[in-house]
């Protein structure tokens, strides 16, 4: 079942996620390996990344995202 609240998302994927949505922005972020997505739907850009919370403790708790060829 998909997470329906921020608390559900944190329980499923761990804390520290940030989301930026807009049509004209730039970014420079520090993120965990394998926890960064940037994509567009029409002119709307979505940036989703997980910042460092406690990397040592959570290093192997969550699966790595696979890159998709566009």
PDB file of N, CA and C in Angstrom:
ATOM      1  N   UNK A   1       0.848  -1.183   0.000  1.00  0.00           N
ATOM      2  CA  UNK A   1       0.000   0.000   0.000  1.00  0.00           C
ATOM      3  C   UNK A   1       0.895   1.249   0.000  1.00  0.00           C
ATOM      4  N   UNK A   2       0.538   2.215  -0.789  1.00  0.00           N
ATOM      5  CA  UNK A   2       1.316   3.457  -0.900  1.00  0.00           C
ATOM      6  C   UNK A   2       1.127   4.316   0.346  1.00  0.00           C
ATOM      7  N   UNK A   3       2.184   5.006   0.775  1.00  0.00           N
ATOM      8  CA  UNK A   3       2.063   5.910   1.921  1.00  0.00           C
ATOM      9  C   UNK A   3       1.036   6.999   1.635  1.00  0.00           C
ATOM     10  N   UNK A   4       0.215   7.327   2.627  1.00  0.00           N
ATOM     11  CA  UNK A   4      -0.817   8.345   2.444  1.00  0.00           C
ATOM     12  C   UNK A   4      -0.569   9.602   3.258  1.00  0.00           C
ATOM     13  N   UNK A   5       0.455   9.598   4.080  1.00  0.00           N
ATOM     14  CA  UNK A   5       0.788  10.781   4.884  1.00  0.00           C
ATOM     15  C   UNK A   5       2.310  10.873   4.998  1.00  0.00           C
ATOM     16  N   UNK A   6       2.824  12.036   5.384  1.00  0.00           N
ATOM     17  CA  UNK A   6       4.282  12.145   5.583  1.00  0.00           C
ATOM     18  C   UNK A   6       4.801  11.134   6.609  1.00  0.00           C
ATOM     19  N   UNK A   7       4.039  10.864   7.645  1.00  0.00           N
ATOM     20  CA  UNK A   7       4.474   9.902   8.660  1.00  0.00           C
ATOM     21  C   UNK A   7       4.543   8.488   8.074  1.00  0.00           C
ATOM     22  N   UNK A   8       3.564   8.130   7.233  1.00  0.00           N
ATOM     23  CA  UNK A   8       3.591   6.818   6.574  1.00  0.00           C
ATOM     24  C   UNK A   8       4.803   6.713   5.650  1.00  0.00           C
ATOM     25  N   UNK A   9       5.094   7.787   4.915  1.00  0.00           N
ATOM     26  CA  UNK A   9       6.247   7.796   4.012  1.00  0.00           C
ATOM     27  C   UNK A   9       7.537   7.620   4.802  1.00  0.00           C
ATOM     28  N   UNK A  10       7.673   8.342   5.933  1.00  0.00           N
ATOM     29  CA  UNK A  10       8.873   8.211   6.775  1.00  0.00           C
ATOM     30  C   UNK A  10       9.024   6.797   7.313  1.00  0.00           C
ATOM     31  N   UNK A  11       7.927   6.165   7.719  1.00  0.00           N
ATOM     32  CA  UNK A  11       8.000   4.788   8.212  1.00  0.00           C
ATOM     33  C   UNK A  11       8.417   3.829   7.098  1.00  0.00           C
ATOM     34  N   UNK A  12       7.925   4.058   5.882  1.00  0.00           N
ATOM     35  CA  UNK A  12       8.215   3.158   4.765  1.00  0.00           C
ATOM     36  C   UNK A  12       9.616   3.358   4.205  1.00  0.00           C
ATOM     37  N   UNK A  13      10.079   4.621   4.081  1.00  0.00           N
ATOM     38  CA  UNK A  13      11.328   4.909   3.375  1.00  0.00           C
ATOM     39  C   UNK A  13      12.375   5.619   4.225  1.00  0.00           C
ATOM     40  N   UNK A  14      12.084   5.886   5.487  1.00  0.00           N
ATOM     41  CA  UNK A  14      13.023   6.574   6.358  1.00  0.00           C
ATOM     42  C   UNK A  14      12.833   8.079   6.303  1.00  0.00           C
ATOM     43  N   UNK A  15      13.322   8.789   7.315  1.00  0.00           N
ATOM     44  CA  UNK A  15      13.155  10.239   7.372  1.00  0.00           C
ATOM     45  C   UNK A  15      14.174  10.962   6.496  1.00  0.00           C
ATOM     46  N   UNK A  16      13.986  12.253   6.350  1.00  0.00           N
ATOM     47  CA  UNK A  16      14.974  13.090   5.675  1.00  0.00           C
ATOM     48  C   UNK A  16      14.662  13.421   4.232  1.00  0.00           C
ATOM     49  N   UNK A  17      13.483  13.050   3.729  1.00  0.00           N
ATOM     50  CA  UNK A  17      13.131  13.322   2.339  1.00  0.00           C
ATOM     51  C   UNK A  17      12.676  14.759   2.160  1.00  0.00           C
ATOM     52  N   UNK A  18      13.072  15.351   1.028  1.00  0.00           N
ATOM     53  CA  UNK A  18      12.669  16.709   0.658  1.00  0.00           C
ATOM     54  C   UNK A  18      12.098  16.649  -0.753  1.00  0.00           C
ATOM     55  N   UNK A  19      11.103  17.489  -1.031  1.00  0.00           N
ATOM     56  CA  UNK A  19      10.492  17.526  -2.351  1.00  0.00           C
ATOM     57  C   UNK A  19      10.355  18.975  -2.783  1.00  0.00           C
ATOM     58  N   UNK A  20      10.782  19.262  -4.011  1.00  0.00           N
ATOM     59  CA  UNK A  20      10.649  20.598  -4.591  1.00  0.00           C
ATOM     60  C   UNK A  20       9.881  20.420  -5.898  1.00  0.00           C
ATOM     61  N   UNK A  21       8.828  21.230  -6.059  1.00  0.00           N
ATOM     62  CA  UNK A  21       8.004  21.168  -7.261  1.00  0.00           C
ATOM     63  C   UNK A  21       7.856  22.577  -7.805  1.00  0.00           C
ATOM     64  N   UNK A  22       8.071  22.754  -9.108  1.00  0.00           N
ATOM     65  CA  UNK A  22       7.915  24.072  -9.698  1.00  0.00           C
ATOM     66  C   UNK A  22       8.212  24.064 -11.180  1.00  0.00           C
ATOM     67  N   UNK A  23       8.179  25.259 -11.760  1.00  0.00           N
ATOM     68  CA  UNK A  23       8.407  25.381 -13.195  1.00  0.00           C
ATOM     69  C   UNK A  23       9.717  26.073 -13.518  1.00  0.00           C
ATOM     70  N   UNK A  24      10.349  26.715 -12.547  1.00  0.00           N
ATOM     71  CA  UNK A  24      11.586  27.438 -12.823  1.00  0.00           C
ATOM     72  C   UNK A  24      12.410  27.532 -11.535  1.00  0.00           C
ATOM     73  N   UNK A  25      13.256  26.539 -11.294  1.00  0.00           N
ATOM     74  CA  UNK A  25      14.119  26.569 -10.115  1.00  0.00           C
ATOM     75  C   UNK A  25      15.421  25.846 -10.424  1.00  0.00           C
ATOM     76  N   UNK A  26      16.425  26.135  -9.638  1.00  0.00           N
ATOM     77  CA  UNK A  26      17.684  25.400  -9.710  1.00  0.00           C
ATOM     78  C   UNK A  26      17.993  24.899  -8.313  1.00  0.00           C
ATOM     79  N   UNK A  27      18.938  23.975  -8.223  1.00  0.00           N
ATOM     80  CA  UNK A  27      19.237  23.410  -6.905  1.00  0.00           C
ATOM     81  C   UNK A  27      20.668  22.918  -6.844  1.00  0.00           C
ATOM     82  N   UNK A  28      21.151  22.831  -5.636  1.00  0.00           N
ATOM     83  CA  UNK A  28      22.416  22.193  -5.322  1.00  0.00           C
ATOM     84  C   UNK A  28      22.176  21.526  -3.984  1.00  0.00           C
ATOM     85  N   UNK A  29      22.068  20.206  -3.962  1.00  0.00           N
ATOM     86  CA  UNK A  29      21.700  19.497  -2.740  1.00  0.00           C
ATOM     87  C   UNK A  29      22.693  18.386  -2.438  1.00  0.00           C
ATOM     88  N   UNK A  30      22.804  18.046  -1.176  1.00  0.00           N
ATOM     89  CA  UNK A  30      23.562  16.884  -0.736  1.00  0.00           C
ATOM     90  C   UNK A  30      22.545  15.799  -0.418  1.00  0.00           C
ATOM     91  N   UNK A  31      22.752  14.607  -0.975  1.00  0.00           N
ATOM     92  CA  UNK A  31      21.764  13.547  -0.814  1.00  0.00           C
ATOM     93  C   UNK A  31      22.466  12.214  -0.602  1.00  0.00           C
ATOM     94  N   UNK A  32      21.716  11.266  -0.072  1.00  0.00           N
ATOM     95  CA  UNK A  32      22.210   9.904   0.089  1.00  0.00           C
ATOM     96  C   UNK A  32      22.350   9.249  -1.280  1.00  0.00           C
ATOM     97  N   UNK A  33      23.328   8.366  -1.414  1.00  0.00           N
ATOM     98  CA  UNK A  33      23.542   7.631  -2.655  1.00  0.00           C
ATOM     99  C   UNK A  33      22.278   6.853  -3.019  1.00  0.00           C
ATOM    100  N   UNK A  34      21.830   6.997  -4.251  1.00  0.00           N
ATOM    101  CA  UNK A  34      20.656   6.265  -4.714  1.00  0.00           C
ATOM    102  C   UNK A  34      19.336   6.850  -4.284  1.00  0.00           C
ATOM    103  N   UNK A  35      19.340   8.026  -3.674  1.00  0.00           N
ATOM    104  CA  UNK A  35      18.106   8.635  -3.162  1.00  0.00           C
ATOM    105  C   UNK A  35      17.905  10.025  -3.750  1.00  0.00           C
ATOM    106  N   UNK A  36      17.886  10.120  -5.077  1.00  0.00           N
ATOM    107  CA  UNK A  36      17.725  11.396  -5.760  1.00  0.00           C
ATOM    108  C   UNK A  36      16.951  11.165  -7.040  1.00  0.00           C
ATOM    109  N   UNK A  37      15.878  11.926  -7.228  1.00  0.00           N
ATOM    110  CA  UNK A  37      15.107  11.860  -8.467  1.00  0.00           C
ATOM    111  C   UNK A  37      14.811  13.272  -8.933  1.00  0.00           C
ATOM    112  N   UNK A  38      14.983  13.494 -10.215  1.00  0.00           N
ATOM    113  CA  UNK A  38      14.597  14.759 -10.831  1.00  0.00           C
ATOM    114  C   UNK A  38      13.946  14.410 -12.154  1.00  0.00           C
ATOM    115  N   UNK A  39      12.697  14.835 -12.348  1.00  0.00           N
ATOM    116  CA  UNK A  39      11.995  14.540 -13.590  1.00  0.00           C
ATOM    117  C   UNK A  39      10.983  15.635 -13.880  1.00  0.00           C
ATOM    118  N   UNK A  40      10.495  15.661 -15.099  1.00  0.00           N
ATOM    119  CA  UNK A  40       9.527  16.673 -15.523  1.00  0.00           C
ATOM    120  C   UNK A  40       8.263  15.992 -16.027  1.00  0.00           C
ATOM    121  N   UNK A  41       7.148  16.622 -15.738  1.00  0.00           N
ATOM    122  CA  UNK A  41       5.852  16.232 -16.288  1.00  0.00           C
ATOM    123  C   UNK A  41       5.341  17.483 -16.990  1.00  0.00           C
ATOM    124  N   UNK A  42       5.477  17.503 -18.314  1.00  0.00           N
ATOM    125  CA  UNK A  42       5.194  18.733 -19.049  1.00  0.00           C
ATOM    126  C   UNK A  42       6.207  19.787 -18.643  1.00  0.00           C
ATOM    127  N   UNK A  43       5.741  20.959 -18.243  1.00  0.00           N
ATOM    128  CA  UNK A  43       6.653  22.028 -17.807  1.00  0.00           C
ATOM    129  C   UNK A  43       6.896  22.010 -16.296  1.00  0.00           C
ATOM    130  N   UNK A  44       6.290  21.074 -15.582  1.00  0.00           N
ATOM    131  CA  UNK A  44       6.428  20.980 -14.132  1.00  0.00           C
ATOM    132  C   UNK A  44       7.607  20.084 -13.776  1.00  0.00           C
ATOM    133  N   UNK A  45       8.568  20.611 -13.021  1.00  0.00           N
ATOM    134  CA  UNK A  45       9.745  19.840 -12.599  1.00  0.00           C
ATOM    135  C   UNK A  45       9.545  19.366 -11.159  1.00  0.00           C
ATOM    136  N   UNK A  46       9.954  18.128 -10.886  1.00  0.00           N
ATOM    137  CA  UNK A  46       9.859  17.538  -9.548  1.00  0.00           C
ATOM    138  C   UNK A  46      11.245  17.066  -9.141  1.00  0.00           C
ATOM    139  N   UNK A  47      11.677  17.494  -7.973  1.00  0.00           N
ATOM    140  CA  UNK A  47      12.959  17.086  -7.392  1.00  0.00           C
ATOM    141  C   UNK A  47      12.650  16.421  -6.061  1.00  0.00           C
ATOM    142  N   UNK A  48      13.052  15.165  -5.902  1.00  0.00           N
ATOM    143  CA  UNK A  48      12.837  14.418  -4.665  1.00  0.00           C
ATOM    144  C   UNK A  48      14.170  13.825  -4.250  1.00  0.00           C
ATOM    145  N   UNK A  49      14.593  14.113  -3.022  1.00  0.00           N
ATOM    146  CA  UNK A  49      15.871  13.587  -2.555  1.00  0.00           C
ATOM    147  C   UNK A  49      15.820  13.346  -1.057  1.00  0.00           C
ATOM    148  N   UNK A  50      16.705  12.471  -0.612  1.00  0.00           N
ATOM    149  CA  UNK A  50      16.816  12.167   0.811  1.00  0.00           C
ATOM    150  C   UNK A  50      18.147  12.682   1.316  1.00  0.00           C
ATOM    151  N   UNK A  51      18.093  13.615   2.237  1.00  0.00           N
ATOM    152  CA  UNK A  51      19.301  14.162   2.841  1.00  0.00           C
ATOM    153  C   UNK A  51      19.843  13.218   3.894  1.00  0.00           C
ATOM    154  N   UNK A  52      21.040  13.490   4.344  1.00  0.00           N
ATOM    155  CA  UNK A  52      21.685  12.650   5.357  1.00  0.00           C
ATOM    156  C   UNK A  52      21.009  12.835   6.704  1.00  0.00           C
ATOM    157  N   UNK A  53      20.481  11.758   7.251  1.00  0.00           N
ATOM    158  CA  UNK A  53      19.890  11.781   8.583  1.00  0.00           C
ATOM    159  C   UNK A  53      20.839  11.071   9.536  1.00  0.00           C
ATOM    160  N   UNK A  54      21.035   9.789   9.318  1.00  0.00           N
ATOM    161  CA  UNK A  54      21.987   8.989  10.093  1.00  0.00           C
ATOM    162  C   UNK A  54      22.473   7.883   9.168  1.00  0.00           C
ATOM    163  N   UNK A  55      23.408   8.215   8.300  1.00  0.00           N
ATOM    164  CA  UNK A  55      23.837   7.294   7.255  1.00  0.00           C
ATOM    165  C   UNK A  55      24.404   5.989   7.791  1.00  0.00           C
ATOM    166  N   UNK A  56      25.153   6.035   8.861  1.00  0.00           N
ATOM    167  CA  UNK A  56      25.769   4.815   9.382  1.00  0.00           C
ATOM    168  C   UNK A  56      24.707   3.819   9.832  1.00  0.00           C
ATOM    169  N   UNK A  57      23.702   4.283  10.540  1.00  0.00           N
ATOM    170  CA  UNK A  57      22.664   3.395  11.066  1.00  0.00           C
ATOM    171  C   UNK A  57      21.726   2.900   9.970  1.00  0.00           C
ATOM    172  N   UNK A  58      21.455   3.739   8.973  1.00  0.00           N
ATOM    173  CA  UNK A  58      20.455   3.413   7.974  1.00  0.00           C
ATOM    174  C   UNK A  58      21.050   2.997   6.633  1.00  0.00           C
ATOM    175  N   UNK A  59      22.328   2.711   6.567  1.00  0.00           N
ATOM    176  CA  UNK A  59      23.013   2.467   5.303  1.00  0.00           C
ATOM    177  C   UNK A  59      22.376   1.350   4.475  1.00  0.00           C
ATOM    178  N   UNK A  60      21.931   0.278   5.099  1.00  0.00           N
ATOM    179  CA  UNK A  60      21.409  -0.860   4.340  1.00  0.00           C
ATOM    180  C   UNK A  60      19.951  -1.174   4.633  1.00  0.00           C
ATOM    181  N   UNK A  61      19.219  -0.222   5.199  1.00  0.00           N
ATOM    182  CA  UNK A  61      17.821  -0.487   5.538  1.00  0.00           C
ATOM    183  C   UNK A  61      16.891  -0.392   4.338  1.00  0.00           C
ATOM    184  N   UNK A  62      17.248   0.408   3.348  1.00  0.00           N
ATOM    185  CA  UNK A  62      16.335   0.691   2.253  1.00  0.00           C
ATOM    186  C   UNK A  62      16.984   0.325   0.923  1.00  0.00           C
ATOM    187  N   UNK A  63      16.189  -0.194  -0.004  1.00  0.00           N
ATOM    188  CA  UNK A  63      16.748  -0.568  -1.309  1.00  0.00           C
ATOM    189  C   UNK A  63      17.181   0.667  -2.091  1.00  0.00           C
ATOM    190  N   UNK A  64      18.166   0.496  -2.949  1.00  0.00           N
ATOM    191  CA  UNK A  64      18.634   1.578  -3.802  1.00  0.00           C
ATOM    192  C   UNK A  64      17.683   1.721  -4.984  1.00  0.00           C
ATOM    193  N   UNK A  65      17.466   2.960  -5.399  1.00  0.00           N
ATOM    194  CA  UNK A  65      16.658   3.211  -6.594  1.00  0.00           C
ATOM    195  C   UNK A  65      17.490   2.901  -7.821  1.00  0.00           C
ATOM    196  N   UNK A  66      16.883   2.301  -8.812  1.00  0.00           N
ATOM    197  CA  UNK A  66      17.559   2.003 -10.069  1.00  0.00           C
ATOM    198  C   UNK A  66      17.339   3.160 -11.037  1.00  0.00           C
ATOM    199  N   UNK A  67      18.370   3.549 -11.766  1.00  0.00           N
ATOM    200  CA  UNK A  67      18.249   4.606 -12.761  1.00  0.00           C
ATOM    201  C   UNK A  67      17.498   4.070 -13.972  1.00  0.00           C
ATOM    202  N   UNK A  68      16.647   4.909 -14.533  1.00  0.00           N
ATOM    203  CA  UNK A  68      15.884   4.539 -15.726  1.00  0.00           C
ATOM    204  C   UNK A  68      16.426   5.310 -16.921  1.00  0.00           C
ATOM    205  N   UNK A  69      16.573   4.639 -18.043  1.00  0.00           N
ATOM    206  CA  UNK A  69      16.958   5.317 -19.263  1.00  0.00           C
ATOM    207  C   UNK A  69      15.736   6.007 -19.842  1.00  0.00           C
ATOM    208  N   UNK A  70      15.872   7.297 -20.150  1.00  0.00           N
ATOM    209  CA  UNK A  70      14.730   8.046 -20.690  1.00  0.00           C
ATOM    210  C   UNK A  70      14.704   7.989 -22.195  1.00  0.00           C
TER     211      UNK A  70
END
